[in-house]
Protein backbone atom coordinates (compact mmCIF):
# COMPACT_ATOMS: atom_id res chain seq x y z
CA UNK A 1 106.31 69.13 156.61
CA UNK A 2 102.61 69.94 156.94
CA UNK A 3 100.01 69.60 154.24
CA UNK A 4 99.94 73.39 153.84
CA UNK A 5 103.69 73.41 153.32
CA UNK A 6 103.37 70.59 150.78
CA UNK A 7 100.63 72.46 148.92
CA UNK A 8 102.61 75.68 148.94
CA UNK A 9 105.69 73.89 147.68
CA UNK A 10 103.67 72.24 144.93
CA UNK A 11 102.19 75.50 143.71
CA UNK A 12 105.28 77.64 144.18
CA UNK A 13 107.15 78.16 140.87
CA UNK A 14 110.70 76.87 140.84
CA UNK A 15 113.53 79.37 140.69
CA UNK A 16 114.71 79.97 137.17
CA UNK A 17 111.56 78.55 135.58
CA UNK A 18 109.64 81.12 133.54
CA UNK A 19 105.91 81.48 134.17
CA UNK A 20 105.35 82.39 130.53
CA UNK A 21 104.29 79.60 128.19
CA UNK A 22 107.17 78.36 126.10
CA UNK A 23 107.11 79.02 122.41
CA UNK A 24 107.03 75.85 120.37
CA UNK A 25 110.17 75.43 118.36
CA UNK A 26 109.80 74.02 114.91
CA UNK A 27 110.27 74.61 111.24
CA UNK A 28 108.78 77.82 109.90
CA UNK A 29 106.30 77.15 107.08
CA UNK A 30 107.73 78.27 103.76
CA UNK A 31 104.38 79.91 102.89
CA UNK A 32 104.91 82.29 105.84
CA UNK A 33 108.67 82.68 105.67
CA UNK A 34 108.82 83.91 102.08
CA UNK A 35 106.27 86.75 102.35
CA UNK A 36 107.70 87.70 105.76
CA UNK A 37 111.18 88.00 104.27
CA UNK A 38 109.85 89.99 101.31
CA UNK A 39 108.00 92.31 103.67
CA UNK A 40 111.18 92.89 105.67
CA UNK A 41 113.16 93.60 102.52
CA UNK A 42 110.46 95.96 101.30
CA UNK A 43 110.75 98.01 104.48
CA UNK A 44 114.52 97.86 104.94
CA UNK A 45 115.89 98.19 101.39
CA UNK A 46 114.82 101.85 100.90
CA UNK A 47 116.64 102.75 104.13
CA UNK A 48 119.70 100.81 103.00
CA UNK A 49 119.56 102.63 99.68
CA UNK A 50 119.53 105.96 101.50
CA UNK A 51 122.60 104.98 103.52
CA UNK A 52 124.44 103.64 100.47
CA UNK A 53 123.82 106.80 98.42
CA UNK A 54 124.75 109.18 101.24
CA UNK A 55 127.76 111.35 100.25
CA UNK A 56 129.79 110.45 103.33
CA UNK A 57 132.93 112.26 102.16
CA UNK A 58 131.18 115.62 101.89
CA UNK A 59 128.68 115.00 104.70
CA UNK A 60 130.30 117.34 107.29
CA UNK A 61 130.40 120.23 104.83
CA UNK A 62 126.82 119.68 103.72
CA UNK A 63 125.56 119.49 107.29
CA UNK A 64 126.99 122.92 108.01
CA UNK A 65 125.49 124.63 104.97
CA UNK A 66 123.31 127.64 105.93
CA UNK A 67 120.20 126.25 104.27
CA UNK A 68 120.46 122.94 106.11
CA UNK A 69 121.07 124.57 109.48
CA UNK A 70 118.22 127.02 108.96
CA UNK A 71 115.74 124.31 108.02
CA UNK A 72 116.92 122.09 110.88
CA UNK A 73 116.69 124.90 113.43
CA UNK A 74 113.22 125.89 112.25
CA UNK A 75 112.05 122.26 112.34
CA UNK A 76 113.30 121.75 115.89
CA UNK A 77 111.74 125.02 117.03
CA UNK A 78 108.33 124.48 115.46
CA UNK A 79 108.13 120.80 116.45
CA UNK A 80 108.91 121.71 120.06
CA UNK A 81 106.34 124.52 120.13
CA UNK A 82 103.76 122.26 118.51
CA UNK A 83 104.42 119.59 121.14
CA UNK A 84 103.98 122.11 123.95
CA UNK A 85 100.68 123.20 122.40
CA UNK A 86 99.58 119.57 122.15
CA UNK A 87 100.50 118.98 125.79
CA UNK A 88 98.51 122.00 126.95
CA UNK A 89 95.41 120.97 125.02
CA UNK A 90 95.78 117.23 124.56
CA UNK A 91 96.42 116.08 128.14
CA UNK A 92 93.17 117.61 129.48
CA UNK A 93 91.28 116.18 126.51
CA UNK A 94 92.76 112.73 127.12
CA UNK A 95 91.79 112.97 130.81
CA UNK A 96 88.25 113.93 129.79
CA UNK A 97 87.96 110.91 127.49
CA UNK A 98 89.41 108.51 130.05
CA UNK A 99 87.78 109.70 133.26
CA UNK A 100 84.46 111.38 132.45
CA UNK A 101 81.32 109.71 131.15
CA UNK A 102 79.32 112.06 128.93
CA UNK A 103 76.97 111.72 125.96
CA UNK A 104 78.80 111.52 122.67
CA UNK A 105 82.14 110.44 124.13
CA UNK A 106 82.63 107.85 121.38
CA UNK A 107 81.97 110.51 118.76
CA UNK A 108 84.49 112.85 120.39
CA UNK A 109 87.09 110.08 120.45
CA UNK A 110 86.44 109.36 116.78
CA UNK A 111 86.83 113.04 115.90
CA UNK A 112 90.08 113.20 117.84
CA UNK A 113 91.56 110.38 115.78
CA UNK A 114 90.44 111.75 112.40
CA UNK A 115 93.80 113.51 111.72
CA UNK A 116 95.48 110.10 111.93
CA UNK A 117 93.76 108.92 108.76
CA UNK A 118 93.04 112.26 107.11
CA UNK A 119 95.41 113.08 104.23
CA UNK A 120 97.68 115.88 105.52
CA UNK A 121 96.97 118.04 102.47
CA UNK A 122 93.27 117.89 103.30
CA UNK A 123 94.15 118.93 106.83
CA UNK A 124 96.01 121.93 105.43
CA UNK A 125 93.02 122.93 103.33
CA UNK A 126 90.77 122.59 106.38
CA UNK A 127 93.10 124.80 108.40
CA UNK A 128 93.00 127.41 105.65
CA UNK A 129 89.20 127.39 105.68
CA UNK A 130 89.20 128.01 109.43
CA UNK A 131 92.28 130.15 110.10
CA UNK A 132 92.79 131.79 106.69
CA UNK A 133 92.15 135.49 106.22
CA UNK A 134 88.64 134.68 105.02
CA UNK A 135 88.24 131.64 107.26
CA UNK A 136 85.72 131.02 110.00
CA UNK A 137 88.07 132.30 112.70
CA UNK A 138 90.89 133.77 110.66
CA UNK A 139 88.86 136.70 109.37
CA UNK A 140 87.89 137.65 112.94
CA UNK A 141 91.48 137.26 114.19
CA UNK A 142 92.77 139.46 111.37
CA UNK A 143 90.12 142.16 111.81
CA UNK A 144 90.18 142.24 115.62
CA UNK A 145 93.80 141.58 116.52
CA UNK A 146 95.72 141.79 113.24
CA UNK A 147 96.78 138.14 113.60
CA UNK A 148 97.52 136.29 110.38
CA UNK A 149 98.39 132.62 110.68
CA UNK A 150 98.71 131.22 107.13
CA UNK A 151 102.20 131.32 105.55
CA UNK A 152 103.86 132.20 108.86
CA UNK A 153 105.97 130.31 111.38
CA UNK A 154 102.96 130.24 113.68
CA UNK A 155 101.06 128.57 110.86
CA UNK A 156 103.72 125.84 110.75
CA UNK A 157 103.26 125.23 114.49
CA UNK A 158 99.49 125.08 114.06
CA UNK A 159 99.68 122.63 111.15
CA UNK A 160 102.13 120.37 112.98
CA UNK A 161 100.01 120.40 116.15
CA UNK A 162 96.89 119.49 114.17
CA UNK A 163 98.39 116.31 112.74
CA UNK A 164 100.44 115.34 115.82
CA UNK A 165 98.01 115.86 118.71
CA UNK A 166 96.12 112.54 118.22
CA UNK A 167 99.34 110.61 118.95
CA UNK A 168 99.64 112.34 122.31
CA UNK A 169 95.97 111.96 123.20
CA UNK A 170 95.90 108.23 122.42
CA UNK A 171 99.05 107.59 124.47
CA UNK A 172 97.89 109.62 127.47
CA UNK A 173 94.36 108.20 127.41
CA UNK A 174 95.78 104.67 127.37
CA UNK A 175 98.03 105.51 130.33
CA UNK A 176 95.10 106.99 132.24
CA UNK A 177 92.94 103.94 131.64
CA UNK A 178 95.72 101.67 132.85
CA UNK A 179 96.52 103.71 135.96
CA UNK A 180 95.36 102.56 139.40
CA UNK A 181 92.49 104.86 140.42
CA UNK A 182 92.77 103.93 144.10
CA UNK A 183 95.38 106.64 144.63
CA UNK A 184 93.05 109.25 143.18
CA UNK A 185 90.20 107.96 145.35
CA UNK A 186 92.41 108.09 148.43
CA UNK A 187 93.37 111.68 147.68
CA UNK A 188 89.71 112.60 147.26
CA UNK A 189 88.80 111.04 150.62
CA UNK A 190 91.57 113.10 152.25
CA UNK A 191 89.90 116.26 151.01
CA UNK A 192 91.98 117.01 147.94
CA UNK A 193 90.19 118.91 145.19
CA UNK A 194 89.93 117.48 141.67
CA UNK A 195 92.58 119.90 140.44
CA UNK A 196 94.96 119.01 143.28
CA UNK A 197 94.36 115.32 142.66
CA UNK A 198 95.01 115.79 138.96
CA UNK A 199 98.25 117.75 139.40
CA UNK A 200 99.70 115.87 142.41
CA UNK A 201 98.44 112.31 141.89
CA UNK A 202 97.19 111.68 138.36
CA UNK A 203 99.95 113.41 136.42
CA UNK A 204 102.80 111.69 138.33
CA UNK A 205 101.07 108.34 137.82
CA UNK A 206 100.84 108.73 134.05
CA UNK A 207 104.05 110.72 133.57
CA UNK A 208 105.76 107.93 131.56
CA UNK A 209 102.75 107.74 129.23
CA UNK A 210 102.76 111.51 128.80
CA UNK A 211 106.48 111.46 128.05
CA UNK A 212 106.09 108.69 125.46
CA UNK A 213 103.15 110.48 123.84
CA UNK A 214 105.07 113.76 123.77
CA UNK A 215 108.03 112.12 122.04
CA UNK A 216 105.79 110.52 119.42
CA UNK A 217 103.99 113.84 118.98
CA UNK A 218 107.29 115.67 118.53
CA UNK A 219 108.50 113.13 115.98
CA UNK A 220 105.27 113.39 113.99
CA UNK A 221 105.47 117.17 114.05
CA UNK A 222 109.09 117.09 112.91
CA UNK A 223 108.20 115.00 109.86
CA UNK A 224 105.02 116.83 108.88
CA UNK A 225 104.86 117.90 105.22
CA UNK A 226 101.41 118.02 103.60
CA UNK A 227 99.51 120.24 106.01
CA UNK A 228 102.54 122.50 106.45
CA UNK A 229 103.13 123.22 102.77
CA UNK A 230 99.39 123.74 102.18
CA UNK A 231 98.70 126.00 105.15
CA UNK A 232 102.08 127.66 105.75
CA UNK A 233 103.82 127.49 102.37
CA UNK A 234 107.50 126.86 101.67
CA UNK A 235 109.43 130.04 102.46
CA UNK A 236 113.11 129.56 103.45
CA UNK A 237 113.86 130.77 106.94
CA UNK A 238 110.19 131.25 107.80
CA UNK A 239 108.16 128.14 106.97
CA UNK A 240 110.61 125.79 105.22
CA UNK A 241 111.07 122.88 107.59
CA UNK A 242 113.25 119.84 106.95
CA UNK A 243 110.67 117.79 104.98
CA UNK A 244 109.94 120.80 102.79
CA UNK A 245 113.65 121.37 102.26
CA UNK A 246 114.00 117.74 101.16
CA UNK A 247 111.18 118.20 98.66
CA UNK A 248 112.77 121.35 97.26
CA UNK A 249 116.29 119.86 97.14
CA UNK A 250 115.07 116.88 95.09
CA UNK A 251 114.53 119.23 92.17
CA UNK A 252 118.01 120.79 92.21
CA UNK A 253 120.48 118.83 94.38
CA UNK A 254 119.90 115.12 95.01
CA UNK A 255 122.81 114.78 97.44
CA UNK A 256 121.46 117.63 99.56
CA UNK A 257 118.07 115.88 99.67
CA UNK A 258 119.79 112.65 100.76
CA UNK A 259 121.65 114.45 103.56
CA UNK A 260 118.46 116.08 104.83
CA UNK A 261 116.64 112.75 104.66
CA UNK A 262 119.46 111.10 106.58
CA UNK A 263 119.04 113.59 109.42
CA UNK A 264 115.34 112.80 109.68
CA UNK A 265 116.10 109.07 109.54
CA UNK A 266 118.60 109.33 112.40
CA UNK A 267 116.09 111.27 114.51
CA UNK A 268 113.37 108.70 113.82
CA UNK A 269 115.60 105.76 114.73
CA UNK A 270 116.72 107.50 117.92
CA UNK A 271 113.11 108.10 118.95
CA UNK A 272 112.07 104.51 118.27
CA UNK A 273 115.08 103.25 120.23
CA UNK A 274 114.17 105.42 123.21
CA UNK A 275 110.59 104.09 123.15
CA UNK A 276 111.41 100.42 122.50
CA UNK A 277 110.13 99.33 125.91
CA UNK A 278 106.78 100.98 125.27
CA UNK A 279 105.96 100.04 121.69
CA UNK A 280 107.43 96.52 121.62
CA UNK A 281 105.86 93.87 123.82
CA UNK A 282 108.48 92.15 125.90
CA UNK A 283 108.78 88.37 125.45
């Protein structure tokens, strides 16, 4: 065997041996174990309480009640429309933030993430001041086209899109920054326009990131409450989504509120399970 073969054999990892550093096994310090266990209980016990108090015997009948089906159907419809709106506006904005250098880009990125930390009720008030009948744009829309957005189903879509779009933008921008730009450069050298490169190269490259962002966006829109009730109101069959129905049912029928909450919990768990490979770092 030559020296090169010996060197290659010495540096070649053995089959079955992981290249990741091994975690040191040992006793967990009690000062860390106790608060960690309390934190887990704090997060899990409310969900356990919801499952324990669920009226399982009457669950099928309650799930088929007209009010539940109406609220569920409206929630699915508005969340889907809000996600489509976020895709149409958020993907180009994410591309702009990830690919184009321009003055004030950090400020734009900060403004994009404001709805993440803004109280949803404040977001609803802000939407009213812009799209209300006397708002900055709402008055013009009403006078010119007869379009009224507050307290309508369209208002629900707008409120949900406002609070959910940052989730999509952050996910897509991260995917764009992690994508290999050599494919885009190769397409450009072959004469492809920027639009062709974007639609035929960039979008397929970041499609998993867009899909993950869209799912998170849809989930956030489905659970939106504060901005919706402030900007669109709580009218059954028109603006009463599932979270609003839960809020209303708490005042009259606790078991109905539990059933509605259970539906939202199941949807949330299903979404997190589908995204487990993207939001949990593999060992």
